[in-house]
Amino acid sequence: MIQLTVMTREGCHLCDKMATELVLMQKKLPFQLAFVDIDEKPELLAQYNADVPVVMMDNTVLFRHFFDEDRLRQALVHG
């Protein structure tokens, strides 16, 4: 099963919204989610500080800040 990684941080309203939308999409398309708090890893904080949330598949960024259903569907269907 495909796994998406979501770079996030506590207290981020965009991150909360992204998480909600991704969980809802799991009811339509099969994929797993892994949430990573960038504030717990200095290298991730340096890389993604101003960009969270970031949704990735296989180390490729699918989208940042806002949920993109079309991009998600395309990635899950076509890789």
N, C-alpha and C. Protein backbone atom coordinates (compact mmCIF):
# COMPACT_ATOMS: atom_id res chain seq x y z
N MET A 1 0.85 -1.18 0.00
CA MET A 1 0.00 0.00 0.00
C MET A 1 0.89 1.24 0.00
N ILE A 2 0.46 2.25 -0.71
CA ILE A 2 1.21 3.50 -0.82
C ILE A 2 1.14 4.25 0.51
N GLN A 3 2.28 4.79 0.90
CA GLN A 3 2.32 5.60 2.12
C GLN A 3 2.67 7.04 1.78
N LEU A 4 1.91 7.95 2.34
CA LEU A 4 2.20 9.38 2.23
C LEU A 4 2.78 9.85 3.54
N THR A 5 3.76 10.72 3.46
CA THR A 5 4.35 11.32 4.64
C THR A 5 3.94 12.78 4.68
N VAL A 6 3.47 13.21 5.82
CA VAL A 6 3.02 14.59 5.99
C VAL A 6 3.92 15.29 6.99
N MET A 7 4.66 16.28 6.51
CA MET A 7 5.49 17.10 7.39
C MET A 7 4.55 18.12 8.04
N THR A 8 4.57 18.18 9.34
CA THR A 8 3.60 18.97 10.07
C THR A 8 4.25 19.54 11.33
N ARG A 9 3.48 20.30 12.07
CA ARG A 9 3.92 20.77 13.39
C ARG A 9 2.68 21.02 14.24
N GLU A 10 2.87 20.94 15.53
CA GLU A 10 1.78 21.16 16.47
C GLU A 10 1.36 22.63 16.43
N GLY A 11 0.05 22.87 16.50
CA GLY A 11 -0.47 24.23 16.53
C GLY A 11 -0.60 24.88 15.16
N CYS A 12 -0.41 24.12 14.10
CA CYS A 12 -0.50 24.64 12.74
C CYS A 12 -1.90 24.37 12.20
N HIS A 13 -2.68 25.43 11.99
CA HIS A 13 -4.06 25.23 11.52
C HIS A 13 -4.11 24.65 10.11
N LEU A 14 -3.16 25.01 9.25
CA LEU A 14 -3.12 24.42 7.91
C LEU A 14 -2.80 22.92 8.00
N CYS A 15 -1.96 22.55 8.94
CA CYS A 15 -1.61 21.13 9.14
C CYS A 15 -2.84 20.35 9.60
N ASP A 16 -3.59 20.92 10.52
CA ASP A 16 -4.80 20.26 11.01
C ASP A 16 -5.81 20.07 9.88
N LYS A 17 -5.97 21.10 9.08
CA LYS A 17 -6.91 21.01 7.96
C LYS A 17 -6.45 19.96 6.94
N MET A 18 -5.16 19.95 6.65
CA MET A 18 -4.61 18.97 5.71
C MET A 18 -4.85 17.55 6.22
N ALA A 19 -4.58 17.33 7.50
CA ALA A 19 -4.77 16.00 8.09
C ALA A 19 -6.22 15.55 7.96
N THR A 20 -7.14 16.44 8.23
CA THR A 20 -8.56 16.12 8.12
C THR A 20 -8.92 15.73 6.70
N GLU A 21 -8.47 16.50 5.73
CA GLU A 21 -8.79 16.22 4.34
C GLU A 21 -8.16 14.92 3.85
N LEU A 22 -6.95 14.63 4.31
CA LEU A 22 -6.30 13.38 3.91
C LEU A 22 -7.01 12.17 4.51
N VAL A 23 -7.41 12.26 5.76
CA VAL A 23 -8.13 11.16 6.40
C VAL A 23 -9.45 10.92 5.68
N LEU A 24 -10.13 11.97 5.28
CA LEU A 24 -11.37 11.81 4.52
C LEU A 24 -11.12 11.13 3.18
N MET A 25 -10.00 11.46 2.53
CA MET A 25 -9.68 10.84 1.23
C MET A 25 -9.35 9.36 1.38
N GLN A 26 -8.87 8.95 2.55
CA GLN A 26 -8.58 7.54 2.76
C GLN A 26 -9.84 6.68 2.65
N LYS A 27 -10.99 7.27 2.82
CA LYS A 27 -12.24 6.54 2.67
C LYS A 27 -12.56 6.29 1.20
N LYS A 28 -11.94 7.08 0.31
CA LYS A 28 -12.18 6.94 -1.13
C LYS A 28 -11.07 6.20 -1.85
N LEU A 29 -9.83 6.40 -1.39
CA LEU A 29 -8.66 5.80 -2.03
C LEU A 29 -7.78 5.16 -0.96
N PRO A 30 -7.20 3.99 -1.27
CA PRO A 30 -6.36 3.33 -0.27
C PRO A 30 -4.95 3.90 -0.22
N PHE A 31 -4.56 4.39 0.93
CA PHE A 31 -3.20 4.82 1.19
C PHE A 31 -3.02 4.95 2.70
N GLN A 32 -1.77 4.90 3.12
CA GLN A 32 -1.44 5.06 4.53
C GLN A 32 -0.84 6.44 4.75
N LEU A 33 -0.96 6.91 5.98
CA LEU A 33 -0.43 8.22 6.35
C LEU A 33 0.58 8.09 7.48
N ALA A 34 1.66 8.84 7.36
CA ALA A 34 2.63 8.96 8.44
C ALA A 34 2.85 10.45 8.67
N PHE A 35 2.62 10.89 9.88
CA PHE A 35 2.80 12.30 10.23
C PHE A 35 4.14 12.48 10.94
N VAL A 36 4.90 13.48 10.49
CA VAL A 36 6.21 13.76 11.07
C VAL A 36 6.20 15.21 11.57
N ASP A 37 6.46 15.38 12.86
CA ASP A 37 6.54 16.72 13.45
C ASP A 37 7.93 17.29 13.18
N ILE A 38 8.01 18.28 12.33
CA ILE A 38 9.31 18.83 11.94
C ILE A 38 10.05 19.48 13.10
N ASP A 39 9.33 19.91 14.12
CA ASP A 39 9.96 20.56 15.27
C ASP A 39 10.77 19.58 16.11
N GLU A 40 10.61 18.29 15.88
CA GLU A 40 11.35 17.28 16.63
C GLU A 40 12.68 16.92 15.98
N LYS A 41 12.91 17.39 14.74
CA LYS A 41 14.14 17.05 14.03
C LYS A 41 14.71 18.31 13.40
N PRO A 42 15.86 18.79 13.89
CA PRO A 42 16.43 20.05 13.41
C PRO A 42 16.62 20.11 11.89
N GLU A 43 17.00 19.01 11.26
CA GLU A 43 17.20 19.03 9.81
C GLU A 43 15.89 19.22 9.06
N LEU A 44 14.80 18.65 9.57
CA LEU A 44 13.49 18.85 8.94
C LEU A 44 12.97 20.26 9.21
N LEU A 45 13.22 20.76 10.41
CA LEU A 45 12.82 22.13 10.74
C LEU A 45 13.49 23.12 9.80
N ALA A 46 14.77 22.94 9.56
CA ALA A 46 15.50 23.83 8.65
C ALA A 46 14.96 23.74 7.22
N GLN A 47 14.56 22.55 6.82
CA GLN A 47 14.12 22.34 5.44
C GLN A 47 12.67 22.78 5.20
N TYR A 48 11.78 22.53 6.17
CA TYR A 48 10.35 22.73 5.94
C TYR A 48 9.70 23.80 6.82
N ASN A 49 10.45 24.55 7.56
CA ASN A 49 9.92 25.47 8.55
C ASN A 49 8.76 26.33 8.04
N ALA A 50 8.93 26.98 6.91
CA ALA A 50 7.90 27.89 6.40
C ALA A 50 6.94 27.21 5.43
N ASP A 51 7.10 25.91 5.20
CA ASP A 51 6.33 25.23 4.16
C ASP A 51 5.27 24.27 4.65
N VAL A 52 5.19 24.01 5.94
CA VAL A 52 4.23 23.01 6.41
C VAL A 52 2.80 23.46 6.20
N PRO A 53 1.92 22.53 5.97
CA PRO A 53 2.17 21.11 5.80
C PRO A 53 2.72 20.79 4.41
N VAL A 54 3.51 19.72 4.36
CA VAL A 54 4.06 19.22 3.11
C VAL A 54 3.66 17.75 3.00
N VAL A 55 3.05 17.38 1.89
CA VAL A 55 2.66 15.99 1.67
C VAL A 55 3.61 15.39 0.64
N MET A 56 4.19 14.24 1.01
CA MET A 56 5.20 13.60 0.17
C MET A 56 4.84 12.14 -0.09
N MET A 57 5.27 11.67 -1.26
CA MET A 57 5.18 10.25 -1.60
C MET A 57 6.54 9.84 -2.14
N ASP A 58 7.16 8.88 -1.51
CA ASP A 58 8.49 8.42 -1.94
C ASP A 58 9.48 9.57 -2.07
N ASN A 59 9.55 10.43 -1.07
CA ASN A 59 10.47 11.57 -1.05
C ASN A 59 10.23 12.61 -2.13
N THR A 60 9.08 12.54 -2.77
CA THR A 60 8.68 13.55 -3.76
C THR A 60 7.55 14.38 -3.17
N VAL A 61 7.70 15.68 -3.20
CA VAL A 61 6.65 16.56 -2.68
C VAL A 61 5.48 16.56 -3.65
N LEU A 62 4.31 16.22 -3.13
CA LEU A 62 3.08 16.27 -3.94
C LEU A 62 2.46 17.66 -3.88
N PHE A 63 2.38 18.20 -2.67
CA PHE A 63 1.84 19.56 -2.51
C PHE A 63 2.20 20.10 -1.14
N ARG A 64 2.15 21.42 -1.03
CA ARG A 64 2.46 22.14 0.21
C ARG A 64 1.28 23.05 0.57
N HIS A 65 1.15 23.32 1.83
CA HIS A 65 0.20 24.30 2.37
C HIS A 65 -1.26 23.89 2.24
N PHE A 66 -1.71 23.54 1.04
CA PHE A 66 -3.13 23.28 0.81
C PHE A 66 -3.34 21.94 0.12
N PHE A 67 -4.41 21.27 0.48
CA PHE A 67 -4.77 19.98 -0.08
C PHE A 67 -5.07 20.11 -1.57
N ASP A 68 -4.56 19.18 -2.37
CA ASP A 68 -4.78 19.17 -3.82
C ASP A 68 -5.29 17.79 -4.21
N GLU A 69 -6.61 17.64 -4.25
CA GLU A 69 -7.21 16.34 -4.52
C GLU A 69 -6.81 15.79 -5.89
N ASP A 70 -6.78 16.64 -6.90
CA ASP A 70 -6.41 16.18 -8.23
C ASP A 70 -4.99 15.63 -8.25
N ARG A 71 -4.07 16.34 -7.63
CA ARG A 71 -2.66 15.88 -7.59
C ARG A 71 -2.55 14.59 -6.80
N LEU A 72 -3.29 14.48 -5.71
CA LEU A 72 -3.25 13.26 -4.91
C LEU A 72 -3.78 12.07 -5.71
N ARG A 73 -4.91 12.24 -6.35
CA ARG A 73 -5.46 11.15 -7.17
C ARG A 73 -4.49 10.73 -8.26
N GLN A 74 -3.91 11.70 -8.93
CA GLN A 74 -2.96 11.41 -10.00
C GLN A 74 -1.77 10.60 -9.46
N ALA A 75 -1.24 11.02 -8.34
CA ALA A 75 -0.08 10.33 -7.76
C ALA A 75 -0.43 8.91 -7.31
N LEU A 76 -1.59 8.75 -6.72
CA LEU A 76 -1.98 7.43 -6.24
C LEU A 76 -2.30 6.46 -7.38
N VAL A 77 -2.86 6.98 -8.45
CA VAL A 77 -3.24 6.12 -9.58
C VAL A 77 -2.06 5.85 -10.51
N HIS A 78 -1.27 6.89 -10.78
CA HIS A 78 -0.21 6.78 -11.77
C HIS A 78 1.20 6.71 -11.17
N GLY A 79 1.29 6.93 -9.89
CA GLY A 79 2.61 6.87 -9.25
C GLY A 79 3.44 8.09 -9.35
